[in-house]
Amino acid sequence: MATVTIMIADTPRGVMLKITSDERLPEPGEDSGSIAQNLGLIAMELIRQEFKAVTGKEFRACTVQ
């Protein structure tokens, strides 16, 4: 069972989203991960989409660690 944390922070270059897990996160397209990890990744994608819809801006990069 994984513990997943999503951090949202203001930075000088914009907004930073960071997802961390005490277990390895699945790679994009990989069919694995815990329910908590998958929900965390879904939440990150929804935040990205809503950010674009509200601000008209896109995130520059997304790194999964």
PDB file of N, CA and C in Angstrom:
ATOM      1  N   MET A   1       0.844  -1.175   0.000  1.00  0.00           N
ATOM      2  CA  MET A   1       0.000   0.000   0.000  1.00  0.00           C
ATOM      3  C   MET A   1       0.886   1.234   0.000  1.00  0.00           C
ATOM      4  N   ALA A   2       0.666   2.088  -0.966  1.00  0.00           N
ATOM      5  CA  ALA A   2       1.493   3.275  -1.132  1.00  0.00           C
ATOM      6  C   ALA A   2       0.864   4.478  -0.442  1.00  0.00           C
ATOM      7  N   THR A   3       1.718   5.352   0.055  1.00  0.00           N
ATOM      8  CA  THR A   3       1.297   6.662   0.536  1.00  0.00           C
ATOM      9  C   THR A   3       1.726   7.667  -0.511  1.00  0.00           C
ATOM     10  N   VAL A   4       0.770   8.443  -1.027  1.00  0.00           N
ATOM     11  CA  VAL A   4       1.022   9.378  -2.121  1.00  0.00           C
ATOM     12  C   VAL A   4       0.736  10.790  -1.636  1.00  0.00           C
ATOM     13  N   THR A   5       1.627  11.724  -1.985  1.00  0.00           N
ATOM     14  CA  THR A   5       1.469  13.128  -1.622  1.00  0.00           C
ATOM     15  C   THR A   5       1.550  13.983  -2.870  1.00  0.00           C
ATOM     16  N   ILE A   6       0.624  14.935  -2.995  1.00  0.00           N
ATOM     17  CA  ILE A   6       0.678  15.920  -4.072  1.00  0.00           C
ATOM     18  C   ILE A   6       0.954  17.268  -3.430  1.00  0.00           C
ATOM     19  N   MET A   7       2.023  17.922  -3.883  1.00  0.00           N
ATOM     20  CA  MET A   7       2.378  19.244  -3.376  1.00  0.00           C
ATOM     21  C   MET A   7       2.142  20.264  -4.482  1.00  0.00           C
ATOM     22  N   ILE A   8       1.494  21.369  -4.129  1.00  0.00           N
ATOM     23  CA  ILE A   8       1.282  22.483  -5.050  1.00  0.00           C
ATOM     24  C   ILE A   8       1.922  23.701  -4.404  1.00  0.00           C
ATOM     25  N   ALA A   9       2.846  24.347  -5.123  1.00  0.00           N
ATOM     26  CA  ALA A   9       3.564  25.480  -4.547  1.00  0.00           C
ATOM     27  C   ALA A   9       3.788  26.566  -5.588  1.00  0.00           C
ATOM     28  N   ASP A  10       3.719  27.816  -5.137  1.00  0.00           N
ATOM     29  CA  ASP A  10       4.109  28.937  -5.988  1.00  0.00           C
ATOM     30  C   ASP A  10       5.628  28.993  -6.033  1.00  0.00           C
ATOM     31  N   THR A  11       6.164  29.270  -7.205  1.00  0.00           N
ATOM     32  CA  THR A  11       7.605  29.444  -7.367  1.00  0.00           C
ATOM     33  C   THR A  11       7.838  30.698  -8.195  1.00  0.00           C
ATOM     34  N   PRO A  12       9.063  31.209  -8.230  1.00  0.00           N
ATOM     35  CA  PRO A  12       9.339  32.387  -9.056  1.00  0.00           C
ATOM     36  C   PRO A  12       9.043  32.157 -10.539  1.00  0.00           C
ATOM     37  N   ARG A  13       9.080  30.899 -10.993  1.00  0.00           N
ATOM     38  CA  ARG A  13       8.849  30.596 -12.409  1.00  0.00           C
ATOM     39  C   ARG A  13       7.426  30.133 -12.684  1.00  0.00           C
ATOM     40  N   GLY A  14       6.557  30.123 -11.680  1.00  0.00           N
ATOM     41  CA  GLY A  14       5.177  29.685 -11.874  1.00  0.00           C
ATOM     42  C   GLY A  14       4.732  28.770 -10.751  1.00  0.00           C
ATOM     43  N   VAL A  15       3.885  27.824 -11.088  1.00  0.00           N
ATOM     44  CA  VAL A  15       3.352  26.886 -10.108  1.00  0.00           C
ATOM     45  C   VAL A  15       4.051  25.543 -10.273  1.00  0.00           C
ATOM     46  N   MET A  16       4.393  24.931  -9.148  1.00  0.00           N
ATOM     47  CA  MET A  16       5.027  23.621  -9.184  1.00  0.00           C
ATOM     48  C   MET A  16       4.047  22.595  -8.629  1.00  0.00           C
ATOM     49  N   LEU A  17       3.856  21.522  -9.359  1.00  0.00           N
ATOM     50  CA  LEU A  17       3.110  20.361  -8.882  1.00  0.00           C
ATOM     51  C   LEU A  17       4.106  19.234  -8.692  1.00  0.00           C
ATOM     52  N   LYS A  18       4.016  18.571  -7.565  1.00  0.00           N
ATOM     53  CA  LYS A  18       4.943  17.471  -7.313  1.00  0.00           C
ATOM     54  C   LYS A  18       4.169  16.324  -6.679  1.00  0.00           C
ATOM     55  N   ILE A  19       4.340  15.147  -7.240  1.00  0.00           N
ATOM     56  CA  ILE A  19       3.734  13.950  -6.669  1.00  0.00           C
ATOM     57  C   ILE A  19       4.859  13.055  -6.163  1.00  0.00           C
ATOM     58  N   THR A  20       4.704  12.575  -4.944  1.00  0.00           N
ATOM     59  CA  THR A  20       5.689  11.658  -4.376  1.00  0.00           C
ATOM     60  C   THR A  20       4.955  10.435  -3.832  1.00  0.00           C
ATOM     61  N   SER A  21       5.661   9.336  -3.798  1.00  0.00           N
ATOM     62  CA  SER A  21       5.109   8.091  -3.283  1.00  0.00           C
ATOM     63  C   SER A  21       6.210   7.349  -2.546  1.00  0.00           C
ATOM     64  N   ASP A  22       5.812   6.636  -1.504  1.00  0.00           N
ATOM     65  CA  ASP A  22       6.810   5.843  -0.786  1.00  0.00           C
ATOM     66  C   ASP A  22       7.132   4.545  -1.529  1.00  0.00           C
ATOM     67  N   GLU A  23       6.430   4.297  -2.632  1.00  0.00           N
ATOM     68  CA  GLU A  23       6.736   3.179  -3.523  1.00  0.00           C
ATOM     69  C   GLU A  23       6.947   3.729  -4.929  1.00  0.00           C
ATOM     70  N   ARG A  24       7.609   2.955  -5.777  1.00  0.00           N
ATOM     71  CA  ARG A  24       7.896   3.397  -7.139  1.00  0.00           C
ATOM     72  C   ARG A  24       6.604   3.710  -7.873  1.00  0.00           C
ATOM     73  N   LEU A  25       6.559   4.899  -8.510  1.00  0.00           N
ATOM     74  CA  LEU A  25       5.408   5.271  -9.331  1.00  0.00           C
ATOM     75  C   LEU A  25       5.486   4.551 -10.672  1.00  0.00           C
ATOM     76  N   PRO A  26       4.344   4.182 -11.247  1.00  0.00           N
ATOM     77  CA  PRO A  26       4.371   3.525 -12.553  1.00  0.00           C
ATOM     78  C   PRO A  26       4.833   4.485 -13.641  1.00  0.00           C
ATOM     79  N   GLU A  27       5.503   3.942 -14.636  1.00  0.00           N
ATOM     80  CA  GLU A  27       5.914   4.736 -15.796  1.00  0.00           C
ATOM     81  C   GLU A  27       4.679   5.045 -16.641  1.00  0.00           C
ATOM     82  N   PRO A  28       4.716   6.142 -17.430  1.00  0.00           N
ATOM     83  CA  PRO A  28       3.581   6.429 -18.315  1.00  0.00           C
ATOM     84  C   PRO A  28       3.287   5.233 -19.224  1.00  0.00           C
ATOM     85  N   GLY A  29       2.026   4.842 -19.293  1.00  0.00           N
ATOM     86  CA  GLY A  29       1.623   3.712 -20.121  1.00  0.00           C
ATOM     87  C   GLY A  29       1.771   2.360 -19.452  1.00  0.00           C
ATOM     88  N   GLU A  30       2.415   2.325 -18.298  1.00  0.00           N
ATOM     89  CA  GLU A  30       2.611   1.068 -17.575  1.00  0.00           C
ATOM     90  C   GLU A  30       1.335   0.723 -16.809  1.00  0.00           C
ATOM     91  N   ASP A  31       0.911  -0.520 -16.894  1.00  0.00           N
ATOM     92  CA  ASP A  31      -0.323  -0.959 -16.250  1.00  0.00           C
ATOM     93  C   ASP A  31      -0.002  -1.532 -14.875  1.00  0.00           C
ATOM     94  N   SER A  32       0.280  -0.638 -13.932  1.00  0.00           N
ATOM     95  CA  SER A  32       0.570  -1.082 -12.573  1.00  0.00           C
ATOM     96  C   SER A  32       0.368   0.098 -11.635  1.00  0.00           C
ATOM     97  N   GLY A  33       0.807  -0.038 -10.429  1.00  0.00           N
ATOM     98  CA  GLY A  33       0.657   1.012  -9.436  1.00  0.00           C
ATOM     99  C   GLY A  33      -0.522   0.717  -8.522  1.00  0.00           C
ATOM    100  N   SER A  34      -0.481   1.314  -7.345  1.00  0.00           N
ATOM    101  CA  SER A  34      -1.565   1.116  -6.385  1.00  0.00           C
ATOM    102  C   SER A  34      -2.734   2.033  -6.745  1.00  0.00           C
ATOM    103  N   ILE A  35      -3.855   1.812  -6.098  1.00  0.00           N
ATOM    104  CA  ILE A  35      -5.015   2.675  -6.325  1.00  0.00           C
ATOM    105  C   ILE A  35      -4.663   4.112  -5.953  1.00  0.00           C
ATOM    106  N   ALA A  36      -3.978   4.306  -4.828  1.00  0.00           N
ATOM    107  CA  ALA A  36      -3.601   5.659  -4.405  1.00  0.00           C
ATOM    108  C   ALA A  36      -2.691   6.323  -5.430  1.00  0.00           C
ATOM    109  N   GLN A  37      -1.731   5.586  -5.970  1.00  0.00           N
ATOM    110  CA  GLN A  37      -0.834   6.146  -6.976  1.00  0.00           C
ATOM    111  C   GLN A  37      -1.599   6.521  -8.238  1.00  0.00           C
ATOM    112  N   ASN A  38      -2.479   5.645  -8.688  1.00  0.00           N
ATOM    113  CA  ASN A  38      -3.251   5.931  -9.892  1.00  0.00           C
ATOM    114  C   ASN A  38      -4.166   7.134  -9.687  1.00  0.00           C
ATOM    115  N   LEU A  39      -4.809   7.243  -8.524  1.00  0.00           N
ATOM    116  CA  LEU A  39      -5.645   8.409  -8.240  1.00  0.00           C
ATOM    117  C   LEU A  39      -4.810   9.684  -8.174  1.00  0.00           C
ATOM    118  N   GLY A  40      -3.605   9.600  -7.626  1.00  0.00           N
ATOM    119  CA  GLY A  40      -2.711  10.756  -7.589  1.00  0.00           C
ATOM    120  C   GLY A  40      -2.340  11.221  -8.984  1.00  0.00           C
ATOM    121  N   LEU A  41      -2.039  10.278  -9.871  1.00  0.00           N
ATOM    122  CA  LEU A  41      -1.694  10.630 -11.252  1.00  0.00           C
ATOM    123  C   LEU A  41      -2.899  11.213 -11.991  1.00  0.00           C
ATOM    124  N   ILE A  42      -4.092  10.672 -11.725  1.00  0.00           N
ATOM    125  CA  ILE A  42      -5.311  11.227 -12.322  1.00  0.00           C
ATOM    126  C   ILE A  42      -5.532  12.651 -11.824  1.00  0.00           C
ATOM    127  N   ALA A  43      -5.343  12.876 -10.526  1.00  0.00           N
ATOM    128  CA  ALA A  43      -5.508  14.219  -9.963  1.00  0.00           C
ATOM    129  C   ALA A  43      -4.533  15.206 -10.591  1.00  0.00           C
ATOM    130  N   MET A  44      -3.293  14.782 -10.796  1.00  0.00           N
ATOM    131  CA  MET A  44      -2.302  15.663 -11.428  1.00  0.00           C
ATOM    132  C   MET A  44      -2.751  16.052 -12.831  1.00  0.00           C
ATOM    133  N   GLU A  45      -3.270  15.102 -13.593  1.00  0.00           N
ATOM    134  CA  GLU A  45      -3.731  15.379 -14.955  1.00  0.00           C
ATOM    135  C   GLU A  45      -4.936  16.318 -14.941  1.00  0.00           C
ATOM    136  N   LEU A  46      -5.861  16.108 -14.011  1.00  0.00           N
ATOM    137  CA  LEU A  46      -7.025  16.993 -13.919  1.00  0.00           C
ATOM    138  C   LEU A  46      -6.616  18.408 -13.528  1.00  0.00           C
ATOM    139  N   ILE A  47      -5.664  18.539 -12.628  1.00  0.00           N
ATOM    140  CA  ILE A  47      -5.160  19.861 -12.244  1.00  0.00           C
ATOM    141  C   ILE A  47      -4.547  20.545 -13.457  1.00  0.00           C
ATOM    142  N   ARG A  48      -3.757  19.799 -14.230  1.00  0.00           N
ATOM    143  CA  ARG A  48      -3.129  20.364 -15.426  1.00  0.00           C
ATOM    144  C   ARG A  48      -4.186  20.845 -16.414  1.00  0.00           C
ATOM    145  N   GLN A  49      -5.203  20.026 -16.654  1.00  0.00           N
ATOM    146  CA  GLN A  49      -6.256  20.390 -17.601  1.00  0.00           C
ATOM    147  C   GLN A  49      -7.055  21.601 -17.125  1.00  0.00           C
ATOM    148  N   GLU A  50      -7.422  21.625 -15.862  1.00  0.00           N
ATOM    149  CA  GLU A  50      -8.206  22.736 -15.324  1.00  0.00           C
ATOM    150  C   GLU A  50      -7.387  24.021 -15.281  1.00  0.00           C
ATOM    151  N   PHE A  51      -6.098  23.911 -14.992  1.00  0.00           N
ATOM    152  CA  PHE A  51      -5.220  25.080 -14.999  1.00  0.00           C
ATOM    153  C   PHE A  51      -5.235  25.725 -16.379  1.00  0.00           C
ATOM    154  N   LYS A  52      -5.138  24.901 -17.425  1.00  0.00           N
ATOM    155  CA  LYS A  52      -5.163  25.420 -18.796  1.00  0.00           C
ATOM    156  C   LYS A  52      -6.520  26.029 -19.117  1.00  0.00           C
ATOM    157  N   ALA A  53      -7.609  25.378 -18.707  1.00  0.00           N
ATOM    158  CA  ALA A  53      -8.950  25.888 -18.992  1.00  0.00           C
ATOM    159  C   ALA A  53      -9.196  27.236 -18.315  1.00  0.00           C
ATOM    160  N   VAL A  54      -8.690  27.399 -17.109  1.00  0.00           N
ATOM    161  CA  VAL A  54      -8.936  28.625 -16.346  1.00  0.00           C
ATOM    162  C   VAL A  54      -7.983  29.744 -16.735  1.00  0.00           C
ATOM    163  N   THR A  55      -6.694  29.420 -16.909  1.00  0.00           N
ATOM    164  CA  THR A  55      -5.691  30.471 -17.153  1.00  0.00           C
ATOM    165  C   THR A  55      -5.318  30.631 -18.617  1.00  0.00           C
ATOM    166  N   GLY A  56      -5.577  29.610 -19.422  1.00  0.00           N
ATOM    167  CA  GLY A  56      -5.148  29.633 -20.821  1.00  0.00           C
ATOM    168  C   GLY A  56      -3.680  29.290 -20.996  1.00  0.00           C
ATOM    169  N   LYS A  57      -3.002  28.958 -19.902  1.00  0.00           N
ATOM    170  CA  LYS A  57      -1.575  28.625 -19.947  1.00  0.00           C
ATOM    171  C   LYS A  57      -1.394  27.127 -19.744  1.00  0.00           C
ATOM    172  N   GLU A  58      -0.292  26.612 -20.292  1.00  0.00           N
ATOM    173  CA  GLU A  58       0.025  25.196 -20.115  1.00  0.00           C
ATOM    174  C   GLU A  58       1.249  25.050 -19.228  1.00  0.00           C
ATOM    175  N   PHE A  59       1.320  23.913 -18.525  1.00  0.00           N
ATOM    176  CA  PHE A  59       2.536  23.605 -17.786  1.00  0.00           C
ATOM    177  C   PHE A  59       3.638  23.312 -18.779  1.00  0.00           C
ATOM    178  N   ARG A  60       4.846  23.732 -18.458  1.00  0.00           N
ATOM    179  CA  ARG A  60       5.973  23.530 -19.367  1.00  0.00           C
ATOM    180  C   ARG A  60       6.523  22.118 -19.322  1.00  0.00           C
ATOM    181  N   ALA A  61       6.535  21.527 -18.162  1.00  0.00           N
ATOM    182  CA  ALA A  61       7.134  20.193 -18.051  1.00  0.00           C
ATOM    183  C   ALA A  61       6.444  19.425 -16.938  1.00  0.00           C
ATOM    184  N   CYS A  62       6.488  18.123 -17.065  1.00  0.00           N
ATOM    185  CA  CYS A  62       5.946  17.241 -16.034  1.00  0.00           C
ATOM    186  C   CYS A  62       6.940  16.105 -15.853  1.00  0.00           C
ATOM    187  N   THR A  63       7.440  15.959 -14.653  1.00  0.00           N
ATOM    188  CA  THR A  63       8.390  14.896 -14.363  1.00  0.00           C
ATOM    189  C   THR A  63       7.800  14.003 -13.287  1.00  0.00           C
ATOM    190  N   VAL A  64       7.779  12.729 -13.529  1.00  0.00           N
ATOM    191  CA  VAL A  64       7.310  11.772 -12.536  1.00  0.00           C
ATOM    192  C   VAL A  64       8.533  11.184 -11.857  1.00  0.00           C
ATOM    193  N   GLN A  65       8.555  11.244 -10.535  1.00  0.00           N
ATOM    194  CA  GLN A  65       9.689  10.714  -9.776  1.00  0.00           C
ATOM    195  C   GLN A  65       9.244   9.543  -8.944  1.00  0.00           C
TER     196      GLN A  65
END
